[in-house]
Amino acid sequence: MVKTIIVKILKQAGTFAENKDIARKIRIETIEPTLNKGLGIVIDFNGVDAATQSFIHALISQVIRDHGVEVLESMVFKDCSETVQKIIEIVVDYMQHDDKQTQ
């Protein structure tokens, strides 16, 4: 079993995750180093009611761009509200489409 790191979004971004600078900081300081070590990551949205598309984009799009969509196999999005889940799906779909455009 691959070791995983848990990132609690509520603690850093609050119940409405909207600050893309916080998302970028989480990505640079936690998500990217964890994935680069070959570890898995759980992004825990427990207690987060909603997030903006720009927050989710800043959180994961560069990771997908750098590692390819396969990186999602090492990432778990936990306890997402329906709203957050839909926004994650939108960003992932956009990145997959964007990836196909650049090939």
Protein backbone atom coordinates (compact mmCIF):
# COMPACT_ATOMS: atom_id res chain seq x y z
CA MET A 1 0.00 0.00 0.00
CA VAL A 2 1.30 3.43 -0.97
CA LYS A 3 1.72 5.89 1.87
CA THR A 4 -0.64 8.84 1.60
CA ILE A 5 -0.60 12.38 2.93
CA ILE A 6 -3.87 14.08 3.93
CA VAL A 7 -4.50 17.76 3.18
CA LYS A 8 -7.45 19.29 5.03
CA ILE A 9 -8.79 22.12 2.91
CA LEU A 10 -11.15 23.47 5.60
CA LYS A 11 -8.23 24.25 7.90
CA GLN A 12 -6.49 26.35 5.26
CA ALA A 13 -9.29 27.75 3.11
CA GLY A 14 -12.45 27.77 5.26
CA THR A 15 -15.97 26.63 4.41
CA PHE A 16 -15.93 28.56 1.11
CA ALA A 17 -12.66 27.82 -0.66
CA GLU A 18 -12.13 30.79 -2.94
CA ASN A 19 -8.62 32.15 -2.39
CA LYS A 20 -6.55 30.87 -5.30
CA ASP A 21 -3.33 32.02 -3.60
CA ILE A 22 -4.06 29.57 -0.77
CA ALA A 23 -4.81 26.84 -3.33
CA ARG A 24 -1.54 27.57 -5.13
CA LYS A 25 0.35 27.44 -1.81
CA ILE A 26 -1.22 24.05 -0.96
CA ARG A 27 -0.27 22.77 -4.41
CA ILE A 28 3.33 23.99 -4.28
CA GLU A 29 4.07 23.16 -0.64
CA THR A 30 2.16 19.89 -0.23
CA ILE A 31 0.58 18.32 -3.32
CA GLU A 32 3.51 18.57 -5.74
CA PRO A 33 6.22 17.44 -3.27
CA THR A 34 4.05 14.53 -2.12
CA LEU A 35 3.39 13.32 -5.66
CA ASN A 36 7.03 13.85 -6.67
CA LYS A 37 8.05 11.45 -3.86
CA GLY A 38 5.74 8.81 -5.32
CA LEU A 39 3.27 9.09 -2.45
CA GLY A 40 -0.50 9.34 -2.70
CA ILE A 41 -2.46 12.34 -1.51
CA VAL A 42 -5.92 12.71 -0.01
CA ILE A 43 -7.44 16.15 -0.47
CA ASP A 44 -10.04 16.30 2.27
CA PHE A 45 -12.91 18.72 1.70
CA ASN A 46 -14.77 17.76 4.90
CA GLY A 47 -16.59 20.87 6.15
CA VAL A 48 -16.05 22.80 2.91
CA ASP A 49 -19.47 23.78 1.54
CA ALA A 50 -18.29 25.19 -1.78
CA ALA A 51 -15.23 26.17 -3.77
CA THR A 52 -14.69 28.41 -6.75
CA GLN A 53 -13.54 27.03 -10.05
CA SER A 54 -10.44 29.24 -9.81
CA PHE A 55 -9.57 27.69 -6.41
CA ILE A 56 -9.80 24.13 -7.77
CA HIS A 57 -7.97 25.14 -10.94
CA ALA A 58 -5.10 26.63 -8.90
CA LEU A 59 -5.10 23.53 -6.70
CA ILE A 60 -4.83 20.80 -9.34
CA SER A 61 -4.49 22.02 -12.94
CA GLN A 62 -0.71 22.48 -12.91
CA VAL A 63 -0.31 19.04 -11.34
CA ILE A 64 -2.34 17.50 -14.17
CA ARG A 65 -0.39 19.55 -16.73
CA ASP A 66 2.97 18.41 -15.30
CA HIS A 67 2.16 14.75 -14.64
CA GLY A 68 -0.66 13.99 -17.07
CA VAL A 69 -4.19 12.97 -16.17
CA GLU A 70 -2.84 9.66 -14.81
CA VAL A 71 -1.75 11.59 -11.70
CA LEU A 72 -5.39 11.50 -10.58
CA GLU A 73 -4.85 7.83 -9.74
CA SER A 74 -2.59 9.01 -6.90
CA MET A 75 -5.10 11.60 -5.68
CA VAL A 76 -8.27 11.12 -3.65
CA PHE A 77 -10.83 13.89 -3.25
CA LYS A 78 -12.55 13.07 0.03
CA ASP A 79 -15.82 14.30 1.56
CA CYS A 80 -16.65 16.66 -1.30
CA SER A 81 -20.00 18.39 -1.31
CA GLU A 82 -21.94 17.96 -4.54
CA THR A 83 -20.92 21.50 -5.54
CA VAL A 84 -17.21 20.87 -4.94
CA GLN A 85 -17.38 17.52 -6.73
CA LYS A 86 -18.93 19.13 -9.82
CA ILE A 87 -16.27 21.84 -9.91
CA ILE A 88 -13.48 19.26 -9.64
CA GLU A 89 -15.06 17.36 -12.54
CA ILE A 90 -15.25 20.55 -14.62
CA VAL A 91 -11.57 21.35 -14.01
CA VAL A 92 -10.45 17.77 -14.72
CA ASP A 93 -12.53 17.66 -17.92
CA TYR A 94 -11.07 20.99 -19.00
CA MET A 95 -7.52 19.77 -18.33
CA GLN A 96 -8.13 16.56 -20.29
CA HIS A 97 -9.47 18.58 -23.19
CA ASP A 98 -6.57 21.04 -22.91
CA ASP A 99 -4.08 18.13 -22.84
CA LYS A 100 -5.55 16.69 -26.06
CA GLN A 101 -5.28 20.11 -27.73
CA THR A 102 -1.55 20.36 -27.01
CA GLN A 103 -0.65 16.89 -28.30
